[in-house]
Amino acid sequence: MSEQKKTRPKVPDGKARYLVTRQMEANEKGFVGYETVWESFHKEVKYETPKRP
């Protein structure tokens, strides 16, 4: 058997409406993980106290 390191091919970023997945670098054991980035889809509005009747 050859002693060469196994490598995974580079995968392009996966893009959805509010989600992006990116391939991470391989660790010392050769495990390649994926990073998940969520974009916020809620809008924050400054709170205003209601008018008194």
C-alpha atoms as a PDB file:
ATOM      1  CA  MET A   1       0.000   0.000   0.000  1.00  0.00           C
ATOM      2  CA  SER A   2       1.160   3.512  -0.687  1.00  0.00           C
ATOM      3  CA  GLU A   3       1.793   5.915   2.163  1.00  0.00           C
ATOM      4  CA  GLN A   4       0.300   8.919   0.414  1.00  0.00           C
ATOM      5  CA  LYS A   5      -2.290  11.060   2.194  1.00  0.00           C
ATOM      6  CA  LYS A   6      -5.852  10.794   1.015  1.00  0.00           C
ATOM      7  CA  THR A   7      -7.381  14.116   0.076  1.00  0.00           C
ATOM      8  CA  ARG A   8     -10.919  15.144  -0.624  1.00  0.00           C
ATOM      9  CA  PRO A   9     -11.683  17.240  -3.691  1.00  0.00           C
ATOM     10  CA  LYS A  10     -12.563  20.856  -2.984  1.00  0.00           C
ATOM     11  CA  VAL A  11     -16.344  21.274  -2.933  1.00  0.00           C
ATOM     12  CA  PRO A  12     -17.917  24.632  -3.886  1.00  0.00           C
ATOM     13  CA  ASP A  13     -19.948  26.510  -1.277  1.00  0.00           C
ATOM     14  CA  GLY A  14     -23.538  25.363  -0.996  1.00  0.00           C
ATOM     15  CA  LYS A  15     -25.924  28.305  -1.038  1.00  0.00           C
ATOM     16  CA  ALA A  16     -29.602  28.384  -0.118  1.00  0.00           C
ATOM     17  CA  ARG A  17     -31.872  31.267   0.791  1.00  0.00           C
ATOM     18  CA  TYR A  18     -30.689  31.695   4.403  1.00  0.00           C
ATOM     19  CA  LEU A  19     -27.954  29.060   4.626  1.00  0.00           C
ATOM     20  CA  VAL A  20     -24.383  28.690   3.363  1.00  0.00           C
ATOM     21  CA  THR A  21     -22.265  25.557   3.848  1.00  0.00           C
ATOM     22  CA  ARG A  22     -18.505  25.587   3.341  1.00  0.00           C
ATOM     23  CA  GLN A  23     -16.011  22.751   3.343  1.00  0.00           C
ATOM     24  CA  MET A  24     -13.414  23.049   6.104  1.00  0.00           C
ATOM     25  CA  GLU A  25      -9.785  21.965   5.945  1.00  0.00           C
ATOM     26  CA  ALA A  26      -8.905  18.385   6.850  1.00  0.00           C
ATOM     27  CA  ASN A  27      -7.630  17.797  10.387  1.00  0.00           C
ATOM     28  CA  GLU A  28      -4.637  15.634  11.353  1.00  0.00           C
ATOM     29  CA  LYS A  29      -6.711  12.448  11.000  1.00  0.00           C
ATOM     30  CA  GLY A  30      -7.952  13.416   7.545  1.00  0.00           C
ATOM     31  CA  PHE A  31     -11.527  14.257   8.616  1.00  0.00           C
ATOM     32  CA  VAL A  32     -13.109  16.940   6.449  1.00  0.00           C
ATOM     33  CA  GLY A  33     -16.049  18.741   8.040  1.00  0.00           C
ATOM     34  CA  TYR A  34     -18.480  21.339   6.821  1.00  0.00           C
ATOM     35  CA  GLU A  35     -19.215  24.734   8.332  1.00  0.00           C
ATOM     36  CA  THR A  36     -22.833  25.922   8.359  1.00  0.00           C
ATOM     37  CA  VAL A  37     -23.560  29.669   8.349  1.00  0.00           C
ATOM     38  CA  TRP A  38     -27.130  30.880   8.911  1.00  0.00           C
ATOM     39  CA  GLU A  39     -28.229  34.351   7.876  1.00  0.00           C
ATOM     40  CA  SER A  40     -30.779  35.995  10.094  1.00  0.00           C
ATOM     41  CA  PHE A  41     -34.224  36.188   8.546  1.00  0.00           C
ATOM     42  CA  HIS A  42     -35.885  37.996  11.448  1.00  0.00           C
ATOM     43  CA  LYS A  43     -35.925  41.765  11.484  1.00  0.00           C
ATOM     44  CA  GLU A  44     -35.196  43.519  14.751  1.00  0.00           C
ATOM     45  CA  VAL A  45     -37.273  46.603  15.427  1.00  0.00           C
ATOM     46  CA  LYS A  46     -36.517  49.055  18.199  1.00  0.00           C
ATOM     47  CA  TYR A  47     -39.076  48.708  20.994  1.00  0.00           C
ATOM     48  CA  GLU A  48     -41.363  51.682  21.547  1.00  0.00           C
ATOM     49  CA  THR A  49     -43.686  51.902  24.527  1.00  0.00           C
ATOM     50  CA  PRO A  50     -47.345  51.858  23.534  1.00  0.00           C
ATOM     51  CA  LYS A  51     -49.369  55.064  23.697  1.00  0.00           C
ATOM     52  CA  ARG A  52     -51.459  55.476  26.818  1.00  0.00           C
ATOM     53  CA  PRO A  53     -55.198  55.782  26.277  1.00  0.00           C
END
